Amino acid sequence: FSTPDLSDEHGDALIALDPIFQHYGGRLNFHGEIQ
């Protein structure tokens, strides 16, 4: 998936986090329910 595509498709139903995070894991693309 692509967050730009999700943003285009779902617009105001989503909140974009402030871009303050660095990438560290081996997976650049991930999603899931929050704990």
PDB file of all heavy atoms in Angstrom:
ATOM      1  N   PHE A   1       0.854  -1.173   0.000  1.00  0.00           N
ATOM      2  CA  PHE A   1       0.000   0.000   0.000  1.00  0.00           C
ATOM      3  C   PHE A   1       0.894   1.228   0.000  1.00  0.00           C
ATOM      4  O   PHE A   1       2.091   1.148   0.249  1.00  0.00           O
ATOM      5  CB  PHE A   1      -0.949   0.013   1.216  1.00  0.00           C
ATOM      6  CG  PHE A   1      -0.234   0.156   2.536  1.00  0.00           C
ATOM      7  CD1 PHE A   1       0.004   1.404   3.080  1.00  0.00           C
ATOM      8  CD2 PHE A   1       0.201  -0.956   3.232  1.00  0.00           C
ATOM      9  CE1 PHE A   1       0.669   1.540   4.282  1.00  0.00           C
ATOM     10  CE2 PHE A   1       0.859  -0.837   4.433  1.00  0.00           C
ATOM     11  CZ  PHE A   1       1.096   0.418   4.965  1.00  0.00           C
ATOM     12  N   SER A   2       0.289   2.332  -0.249  1.00  0.00           N
ATOM     13  CA  SER A   2       0.991   3.612  -0.269  1.00  0.00           C
ATOM     14  C   SER A   2       0.202   4.589   0.591  1.00  0.00           C
ATOM     15  O   SER A   2      -1.011   4.740   0.401  1.00  0.00           O
ATOM     16  CB  SER A   2       1.077   4.101  -1.717  1.00  0.00           C
ATOM     17  OG  SER A   2       1.260   5.488  -1.777  1.00  0.00           O
ATOM     18  N   THR A   3       0.881   5.244   1.528  1.00  0.00           N
ATOM     19  CA  THR A   3       0.160   6.227   2.346  1.00  0.00           C
ATOM     20  C   THR A   3      -0.374   7.386   1.497  1.00  0.00           C
ATOM     21  O   THR A   3      -1.464   7.881   1.791  1.00  0.00           O
ATOM     22  CB  THR A   3       1.012   6.735   3.533  1.00  0.00           C
ATOM     23  OG1 THR A   3       2.243   7.280   3.063  1.00  0.00           O
ATOM     24  CG2 THR A   3       1.259   5.631   4.538  1.00  0.00           C
ATOM     25  N   PRO A   4       0.324   7.827   0.433  1.00  0.00           N
ATOM     26  CA  PRO A   4      -0.305   8.846  -0.410  1.00  0.00           C
ATOM     27  C   PRO A   4      -1.614   8.359  -1.037  1.00  0.00           C
ATOM     28  O   PRO A   4      -2.601   9.109  -1.085  1.00  0.00           O
ATOM     29  CB  PRO A   4       0.760   9.138  -1.470  1.00  0.00           C
ATOM     30  CG  PRO A   4       2.050   8.874  -0.775  1.00  0.00           C
ATOM     31  CD  PRO A   4       1.745   7.660   0.072  1.00  0.00           C
ATOM     32  N   ASP A   5      -1.643   7.085  -1.492  1.00  0.00           N
ATOM     33  CA  ASP A   5      -2.879   6.552  -2.061  1.00  0.00           C
ATOM     34  C   ASP A   5      -3.981   6.462  -1.013  1.00  0.00           C
ATOM     35  O   ASP A   5      -5.144   6.791  -1.288  1.00  0.00           O
ATOM     36  CB  ASP A   5      -2.648   5.174  -2.679  1.00  0.00           C
ATOM     37  CG  ASP A   5      -1.823   5.226  -3.961  1.00  0.00           C
ATOM     38  OD1 ASP A   5      -1.647   6.329  -4.525  1.00  0.00           O
ATOM     39  OD2 ASP A   5      -1.339   4.152  -4.376  1.00  0.00           O
ATOM     40  N   LEU A   6      -3.619   6.006   0.202  1.00  0.00           N
ATOM     41  CA  LEU A   6      -4.612   5.950   1.283  1.00  0.00           C
ATOM     42  C   LEU A   6      -5.141   7.345   1.600  1.00  0.00           C
ATOM     43  O   LEU A   6      -6.340   7.538   1.805  1.00  0.00           O
ATOM     44  CB  LEU A   6      -4.020   5.315   2.534  1.00  0.00           C
ATOM     45  CG  LEU A   6      -3.754   3.817   2.481  1.00  0.00           C
ATOM     46  CD1 LEU A   6      -3.026   3.369   3.754  1.00  0.00           C
ATOM     47  CD2 LEU A   6      -5.045   3.041   2.315  1.00  0.00           C
ATOM     48  N   SER A   7      -4.238   8.313   1.633  1.00  0.00           N
ATOM     49  CA  SER A   7      -4.647   9.691   1.913  1.00  0.00           C
ATOM     50  C   SER A   7      -5.580  10.221   0.828  1.00  0.00           C
ATOM     51  O   SER A   7      -6.591  10.863   1.128  1.00  0.00           O
ATOM     52  CB  SER A   7      -3.406  10.579   2.029  1.00  0.00           C
ATOM     53  OG  SER A   7      -3.775  11.912   2.278  1.00  0.00           O
ATOM     54  N   ASP A   8      -5.245   9.942  -0.429  1.00  0.00           N
ATOM     55  CA  ASP A   8      -6.106  10.389  -1.534  1.00  0.00           C
ATOM     56  C   ASP A   8      -7.487   9.740  -1.456  1.00  0.00           C
ATOM     57  O   ASP A   8      -8.494  10.395  -1.691  1.00  0.00           O
ATOM     58  CB  ASP A   8      -5.473  10.044  -2.887  1.00  0.00           C
ATOM     59  CG  ASP A   8      -4.236  10.870  -3.190  1.00  0.00           C
ATOM     60  OD1 ASP A   8      -3.960  11.839  -2.453  1.00  0.00           O
ATOM     61  OD2 ASP A   8      -3.533  10.515  -4.163  1.00  0.00           O
ATOM     62  N   GLU A   9      -7.508   8.450  -1.106  1.00  0.00           N
ATOM     63  CA  GLU A   9      -8.770   7.714  -1.091  1.00  0.00           C
ATOM     64  C   GLU A   9      -9.642   8.038   0.119  1.00  0.00           C
ATOM     65  O   GLU A   9     -10.861   8.077   0.024  1.00  0.00           O
ATOM     66  CB  GLU A   9      -8.486   6.213  -1.128  1.00  0.00           C
ATOM     67  CG  GLU A   9      -9.727   5.371  -1.291  1.00  0.00           C
ATOM     68  CD  GLU A   9      -9.401   3.901  -1.511  1.00  0.00           C
ATOM     69  OE1 GLU A   9      -8.310   3.589  -2.023  1.00  0.00           O
ATOM     70  OE2 GLU A   9     -10.263   3.073  -1.174  1.00  0.00           O
ATOM     71  N   HIS A  10      -9.016   8.295   1.286  1.00  0.00           N
ATOM     72  CA  HIS A  10      -9.783   8.436   2.526  1.00  0.00           C
ATOM     73  C   HIS A  10      -9.732   9.836   3.130  1.00  0.00           C
ATOM     74  O   HIS A  10     -10.446  10.101   4.106  1.00  0.00           O
ATOM     75  CB  HIS A  10      -9.315   7.403   3.550  1.00  0.00           C
ATOM     76  CG  HIS A  10      -9.503   6.003   3.080  1.00  0.00           C
ATOM     77  ND1 HIS A  10     -10.721   5.361   3.124  1.00  0.00           N
ATOM     78  CD2 HIS A  10      -8.638   5.124   2.520  1.00  0.00           C
ATOM     79  CE1 HIS A  10     -10.592   4.144   2.623  1.00  0.00           C
ATOM     80  NE2 HIS A  10      -9.338   3.973   2.252  1.00  0.00           N
ATOM     81  N   GLY A  11      -8.893  10.703   2.605  1.00  0.00           N
ATOM     82  CA  GLY A  11      -8.853  12.112   2.958  1.00  0.00           C
ATOM     83  C   GLY A  11      -8.955  12.447   4.427  1.00  0.00           C
ATOM     84  O   GLY A  11      -8.119  12.056   5.240  1.00  0.00           O
ATOM     85  N   ASP A  12     -10.028  13.171   4.769  1.00  0.00           N
ATOM     86  CA  ASP A  12     -10.203  13.698   6.117  1.00  0.00           C
ATOM     87  C   ASP A  12     -10.455  12.633   7.178  1.00  0.00           C
ATOM     88  O   ASP A  12     -10.448  12.930   8.360  1.00  0.00           O
ATOM     89  CB  ASP A  12     -11.358  14.707   6.148  1.00  0.00           C
ATOM     90  CG  ASP A  12     -11.025  15.973   5.362  1.00  0.00           C
ATOM     91  OD1 ASP A  12      -9.829  16.234   5.150  1.00  0.00           O
ATOM     92  OD2 ASP A  12     -11.968  16.692   4.972  1.00  0.00           O
ATOM     93  N   ALA A  13     -10.673  11.396   6.767  1.00  0.00           N
ATOM     94  CA  ALA A  13     -10.864  10.309   7.736  1.00  0.00           C
ATOM     95  C   ALA A  13      -9.536   9.885   8.364  1.00  0.00           C
ATOM     96  O   ALA A  13      -9.531   9.109   9.312  1.00  0.00           O
ATOM     97  CB  ALA A  13     -11.531   9.109   7.064  1.00  0.00           C
ATOM     98  N   LEU A  14      -8.421  10.414   7.850  1.00  0.00           N
ATOM     99  CA  LEU A  14      -7.093  10.045   8.329  1.00  0.00           C
ATOM    100  C   LEU A  14      -6.391  11.235   8.968  1.00  0.00           C
ATOM    101  O   LEU A  14      -6.624  12.374   8.596  1.00  0.00           O
ATOM    102  CB  LEU A  14      -6.228   9.546   7.171  1.00  0.00           C
ATOM    103  CG  LEU A  14      -6.755   8.350   6.403  1.00  0.00           C
ATOM    104  CD1 LEU A  14      -5.888   8.103   5.176  1.00  0.00           C
ATOM    105  CD2 LEU A  14      -6.773   7.127   7.297  1.00  0.00           C
ATOM    106  N   ILE A  15      -5.495  10.935   9.898  1.00  0.00           N
ATOM    107  CA  ILE A  15      -4.619  11.944  10.481  1.00  0.00           C
ATOM    108  C   ILE A  15      -3.196  11.587  10.070  1.00  0.00           C
ATOM    109  O   ILE A  15      -2.753  10.455  10.287  1.00  0.00           O
ATOM    110  CB  ILE A  15      -4.723  11.974  12.016  1.00  0.00           C
ATOM    111  CG1 ILE A  15      -6.128  12.390  12.427  1.00  0.00           C
ATOM    112  CG2 ILE A  15      -3.678  12.900  12.626  1.00  0.00           C
ATOM    113  CD1 ILE A  15      -6.401  12.236  13.909  1.00  0.00           C
ATOM    114  N   ALA A  16      -2.502  12.540   9.471  1.00  0.00           N
ATOM    115  CA  ALA A  16      -1.092  12.346   9.132  1.00  0.00           C
ATOM    116  C   ALA A  16      -0.254  12.797  10.322  1.00  0.00           C
ATOM    117  O   ALA A  16      -0.387  13.935  10.786  1.00  0.00           O
ATOM    118  CB  ALA A  16      -0.725  13.139   7.884  1.00  0.00           C
ATOM    119  N   LEU A  17       0.584  11.899  10.828  1.00  0.00           N
ATOM    120  CA  LEU A  17       1.450  12.253  11.947  1.00  0.00           C
ATOM    121  C   LEU A  17       2.491  13.272  11.497  1.00  0.00           C
ATOM    122  O   LEU A  17       2.912  13.265  10.332  1.00  0.00           O
ATOM    123  CB  LEU A  17       2.173  11.019  12.490  1.00  0.00           C
ATOM    124  CG  LEU A  17       1.412  10.205  13.546  1.00  0.00           C
ATOM    125  CD1 LEU A  17       0.101   9.681  13.043  1.00  0.00           C
ATOM    126  CD2 LEU A  17       2.283   9.089  14.066  1.00  0.00           C
ATOM    127  N   ASP A  18       2.893  14.144  12.420  1.00  0.00           N
ATOM    128  CA  ASP A  18       3.970  15.075  12.130  1.00  0.00           C
ATOM    129  C   ASP A  18       5.192  14.277  11.670  1.00  0.00           C
ATOM    130  O   ASP A  18       5.495  13.222  12.254  1.00  0.00           O
ATOM    131  CB  ASP A  18       4.331  15.898  13.371  1.00  0.00           C
ATOM    132  CG  ASP A  18       3.198  16.820  13.820  1.00  0.00           C
ATOM    133  OD1 ASP A  18       2.292  17.103  13.016  1.00  0.00           O
ATOM    134  OD2 ASP A  18       3.239  17.254  14.983  1.00  0.00           O
ATOM    135  N   PRO A  19       5.913  14.751  10.668  1.00  0.00           N
ATOM    136  CA  PRO A  19       7.043  13.991  10.111  1.00  0.00           C
ATOM    137  C   PRO A  19       8.316  14.127  10.963  1.00  0.00           C
ATOM    138  O   PRO A  19       9.305  14.728  10.556  1.00  0.00           O
ATOM    139  CB  PRO A  19       7.222  14.605   8.721  1.00  0.00           C
ATOM    140  CG  PRO A  19       6.758  16.009   8.892  1.00  0.00           C
ATOM    141  CD  PRO A  19       5.632  15.952   9.896  1.00  0.00           C
ATOM    142  N   ILE A  20       8.276  13.513  12.138  1.00  0.00           N
ATOM    143  CA  ILE A  20       9.392  13.628  13.081  1.00  0.00           C
ATOM    144  C   ILE A  20      10.136  12.312  13.285  1.00  0.00           C
ATOM    145  O   ILE A  20      11.123  12.263  14.012  1.00  0.00           O
ATOM    146  CB  ILE A  20       8.902  14.154  14.445  1.00  0.00           C
ATOM    147  CG1 ILE A  20       7.844  13.229  15.044  1.00  0.00           C
ATOM    148  CG2 ILE A  20       8.377  15.579  14.303  1.00  0.00           C
ATOM    149  CD1 ILE A  20       7.395  13.598  16.450  1.00  0.00           C
ATOM    150  N   PHE A  21       9.690  11.248  12.622  1.00  0.00           N
ATOM    151  CA  PHE A  21      10.226   9.918  12.883  1.00  0.00           C
ATOM    152  C   PHE A  21      11.239   9.492  11.825  1.00  0.00           C
ATOM    153  O   PHE A  21      11.096   9.811  10.648  1.00  0.00           O
ATOM    154  CB  PHE A  21       9.087   8.891  12.944  1.00  0.00           C
ATOM    155  CG  PHE A  21       8.120   9.164  14.048  1.00  0.00           C
ATOM    156  CD1 PHE A  21       6.935   9.836  13.803  1.00  0.00           C
ATOM    157  CD2 PHE A  21       8.406   8.779  15.345  1.00  0.00           C
ATOM    158  CE1 PHE A  21       6.046  10.109  14.826  1.00  0.00           C
ATOM    159  CE2 PHE A  21       7.529   9.046  16.378  1.00  0.00           C
ATOM    160  CZ  PHE A  21       6.349   9.717  16.116  1.00  0.00           C
ATOM    161  N   GLN A  22      12.220   8.715  12.278  1.00  0.00           N
ATOM    162  CA  GLN A  22      13.210   8.100  11.398  1.00  0.00           C
ATOM    163  C   GLN A  22      12.808   6.644  11.163  1.00  0.00           C
ATOM    164  O   GLN A  22      12.162   6.035  12.005  1.00  0.00           O
ATOM    165  CB  GLN A  22      14.597   8.145  12.051  1.00  0.00           C
ATOM    166  CG  GLN A  22      15.049   9.537  12.452  1.00  0.00           C
ATOM    167  CD  GLN A  22      15.195  10.466  11.274  1.00  0.00           C
ATOM    168  OE1 GLN A  22      15.718  10.080  10.238  1.00  0.00           O
ATOM    169  NE2 GLN A  22      14.705  11.687  11.413  1.00  0.00           N
ATOM    170  N   HIS A  23      13.240   6.085  10.040  1.00  0.00           N
ATOM    171  CA  HIS A  23      12.990   4.682   9.698  1.00  0.00           C
ATOM    172  C   HIS A  23      14.143   3.832  10.232  1.00  0.00           C
ATOM    173  O   HIS A  23      15.304   4.131   9.969  1.00  0.00           O
ATOM    174  CB  HIS A  23      12.939   4.497   8.178  1.00  0.00           C
ATOM    175  CG  HIS A  23      11.931   5.351   7.494  1.00  0.00           C
ATOM    176  ND1 HIS A  23      10.629   4.959   7.339  1.00  0.00           N
ATOM    177  CD2 HIS A  23      12.021   6.573   6.926  1.00  0.00           C
ATOM    178  CE1 HIS A  23       9.966   5.910   6.705  1.00  0.00           C
ATOM    179  NE2 HIS A  23      10.788   6.893   6.445  1.00  0.00           N
ATOM    180  N   TYR A  24      13.817   2.755  10.953  1.00  0.00           N
ATOM    181  CA  TYR A  24      14.870   1.896  11.483  1.00  0.00           C
ATOM    182  C   TYR A  24      14.673   0.417  11.178  1.00  0.00           C
ATOM    183  O   TYR A  24      15.643  -0.315  11.080  1.00  0.00           O
ATOM    184  CB  TYR A  24      15.024   2.084  13.003  1.00  0.00           C
ATOM    185  CG  TYR A  24      15.557   3.443  13.351  1.00  0.00           C
ATOM    186  CD1 TYR A  24      14.724   4.429  13.867  1.00  0.00           C
ATOM    187  CD2 TYR A  24      16.894   3.759  13.135  1.00  0.00           C
ATOM    188  CE1 TYR A  24      15.215   5.685  14.174  1.00  0.00           C
ATOM    189  CE2 TYR A  24      17.389   5.018  13.441  1.00  0.00           C
ATOM    190  CZ  TYR A  24      16.545   5.982  13.953  1.00  0.00           C
ATOM    191  OH  TYR A  24      17.025   7.232  14.246  1.00  0.00           O
ATOM    192  N   GLY A  25      13.471  -0.058  11.048  1.00  0.00           N
ATOM    193  CA  GLY A  25      13.240  -1.487  10.856  1.00  0.00           C
ATOM    194  C   GLY A  25      13.514  -1.945   9.436  1.00  0.00           C
ATOM    195  O   GLY A  25      13.665  -1.136   8.517  1.00  0.00           O
ATOM    196  N   GLY A  26      13.552  -3.246   9.254  1.00  0.00           N
ATOM    197  CA  GLY A  26      13.771  -3.838   7.945  1.00  0.00           C
ATOM    198  C   GLY A  26      12.557  -3.763   7.032  1.00  0.00           C
ATOM    199  O   GLY A  26      12.671  -3.997   5.838  1.00  0.00           O
ATOM    200  N   ARG A  27      11.392  -3.445   7.586  1.00  0.00           N
ATOM    201  CA  ARG A  27      10.169  -3.257   6.784  1.00  0.00           C
ATOM    202  C   ARG A  27       9.839  -1.774   6.743  1.00  0.00           C
ATOM    203  O   ARG A  27       9.549  -1.175   7.777  1.00  0.00           O
ATOM    204  CB  ARG A  27       8.997  -4.012   7.409  1.00  0.00           C
ATOM    205  CG  ARG A  27       9.033  -5.499   7.188  1.00  0.00           C
ATOM    206  CD  ARG A  27       7.871  -6.211   7.841  1.00  0.00           C
ATOM    207  NE  ARG A  27       6.591  -5.722   7.328  1.00  0.00           N
ATOM    208  CZ  ARG A  27       5.425  -5.995   7.897  1.00  0.00           C
ATOM    209  NH1 ARG A  27       5.364  -6.744   8.978  1.00  0.00           N
ATOM    210  NH2 ARG A  27       4.308  -5.536   7.387  1.00  0.00           N
ATOM    211  N   LEU A  28       9.852  -1.189   5.561  1.00  0.00           N
ATOM    212  CA  LEU A  28       9.508   0.224   5.436  1.00  0.00           C
ATOM    213  C   LEU A  28       7.997   0.430   5.387  1.00  0.00           C
ATOM    214  O   LEU A  28       7.503   1.510   5.679  1.00  0.00           O
ATOM    215  CB  LEU A  28      10.141   0.814   4.171  1.00  0.00           C
ATOM    216  CG  LEU A  28      11.658   0.885   4.165  1.00  0.00           C
ATOM    217  CD1 LEU A  28      12.146   1.441   2.833  1.00  0.00           C
ATOM    218  CD2 LEU A  28      12.163   1.723   5.320  1.00  0.00           C
ATOM    219  N   ASN A  29       7.269  -0.620   5.009  1.00  0.00           N
ATOM    220  CA  ASN A  29       5.831  -0.548   4.797  1.00  0.00           C
ATOM    221  C   ASN A  29       5.162  -1.494   5.796  1.00  0.00           C
ATOM    222  O   ASN A  29       5.361  -2.700   5.730  1.00  0.00           O
ATOM    223  CB  ASN A  29       5.591  -1.001   3.346  1.00  0.00           C
ATOM    224  CG  ASN A  29       4.176  -0.855   2.895  1.00  0.00           C
ATOM    225  OD1 ASN A  29       3.269  -1.313   3.571  1.00  0.00           O
ATOM    226  ND2 ASN A  29       3.993  -0.261   1.733  1.00  0.00           N
ATOM    227  N   PHE A  30       4.412  -0.941   6.767  1.00  0.00           N
ATOM    228  CA  PHE A  30       3.728  -1.798   7.740  1.00  0.00           C
ATOM    229  C   PHE A  30       2.452  -1.131   8.218  1.00  0.00           C
ATOM    230  O   PHE A  30       2.287   0.084   8.100  1.00  0.00           O
ATOM    231  CB  PHE A  30       4.645  -2.152   8.923  1.00  0.00           C
ATOM    232  CG  PHE A  30       5.053  -0.996   9.796  1.00  0.00           C
ATOM    233  CD1 PHE A  30       4.396  -0.745  10.998  1.00  0.00           C
ATOM    234  CD2 PHE A  30       6.113  -0.176   9.452  1.00  0.00           C
ATOM    235  CE1 PHE A  30       4.780   0.303  11.817  1.00  0.00           C
ATOM    236  CE2 PHE A  30       6.505   0.880  10.266  1.00  0.00           C
ATOM    237  CZ  PHE A  30       5.839   1.119  11.455  1.00  0.00           C
ATOM    238  N   HIS A  31       1.553  -1.951   8.751  1.00  0.00           N
ATOM    239  CA  HIS A  31       0.286  -1.425   9.259  1.00  0.00           C
ATOM    240  C   HIS A  31      -0.278  -2.414  10.267  1.00  0.00           C
ATOM    241  O   HIS A  31       0.122  -3.582  10.331  1.00  0.00           O
ATOM    242  CB  HIS A  31      -0.715  -1.190   8.128  1.00  0.00           C
ATOM    243  CG  HIS A  31      -1.149  -2.440   7.437  1.00  0.00           C
ATOM    244  ND1 HIS A  31      -2.250  -3.159   7.832  1.00  0.00           N
ATOM    245  CD2 HIS A  31      -0.616  -3.111   6.391  1.00  0.00           C
ATOM    246  CE1 HIS A  31      -2.387  -4.211   7.050  1.00  0.00           C
ATOM    247  NE2 HIS A  31      -1.397  -4.207   6.170  1.00  0.00           N
ATOM    248  N   GLY A  32      -1.229  -1.932  11.061  1.00  0.00           N
ATOM    249  CA  GLY A  32      -1.899  -2.811  11.997  1.00  0.00           C
ATOM    250  C   GLY A  32      -2.683  -2.047  13.037  1.00  0.00           C
ATOM    251  O   GLY A  32      -2.611  -0.821  13.130  1.00  0.00           O
ATOM    252  N   GLU A  33      -3.428  -2.810  13.811  1.00  0.00           N
ATOM    253  CA  GLU A  33      -4.173  -2.245  14.928  1.00  0.00           C
ATOM    254  C   GLU A  33      -3.192  -1.808  16.011  1.00  0.00           C
ATOM    255  O   GLU A  33      -2.163  -2.438  16.233  1.00  0.00           O
ATOM    256  CB  GLU A  33      -5.156  -3.278  15.477  1.00  0.00           C
ATOM    257  CG  GLU A  33      -6.086  -2.712  16.519  1.00  0.00           C
ATOM    258  CD  GLU A  33      -7.176  -3.690  16.934  1.00  0.00           C
ATOM    259  OE1 GLU A  33      -7.323  -4.747  16.289  1.00  0.00           O
ATOM    260  OE2 GLU A  33      -7.867  -3.388  17.906  1.00  0.00           O
ATOM    261  N   ILE A  34      -3.537  -0.740  16.697  1.00  0.00           N
ATOM    262  CA  ILE A  34      -2.647  -0.130  17.683  1.00  0.00           C
ATOM    263  C   ILE A  34      -2.793  -0.775  19.058  1.00  0.00           C
ATOM    264  O   ILE A  34      -3.902  -1.035  19.523  1.00  0.00           O
ATOM    265  CB  ILE A  34      -2.956   1.377  17.807  1.00  0.00           C
ATOM    266  CG1 ILE A  34      -2.550   2.099  16.530  1.00  0.00           C
ATOM    267  CG2 ILE A  34      -2.286   1.992  19.024  1.00  0.00           C
ATOM    268  CD1 ILE A  34      -2.990   3.557  16.502  1.00  0.00           C
ATOM    269  N   GLN A  35      -1.660  -0.975  19.703  1.00  0.00           N
ATOM    270  CA  GLN A  35      -1.572  -1.284  21.138  1.00  0.00           C
ATOM    271  C   GLN A  35      -0.704  -0.185  21.736  1.00  0.00           C
ATOM    272  O   GLN A  35       0.442  -0.021  21.334  1.00  0.00           O
ATOM    273  CB  GLN A  35      -0.939  -2.650  21.387  1.00  0.00           C
ATOM    274  CG  GLN A  35      -0.621  -2.922  22.857  1.00  0.00           C
ATOM    275  CD  GLN A  35      -1.868  -2.956  23.729  1.00  0.00           C
ATOM    276  OE1 GLN A  35      -2.789  -3.699  23.460  1.00  0.00           O
ATOM    277  NE2 GLN A  35      -1.889  -2.157  24.778  1.00  0.00           N
TER     278      GLN A  35
END
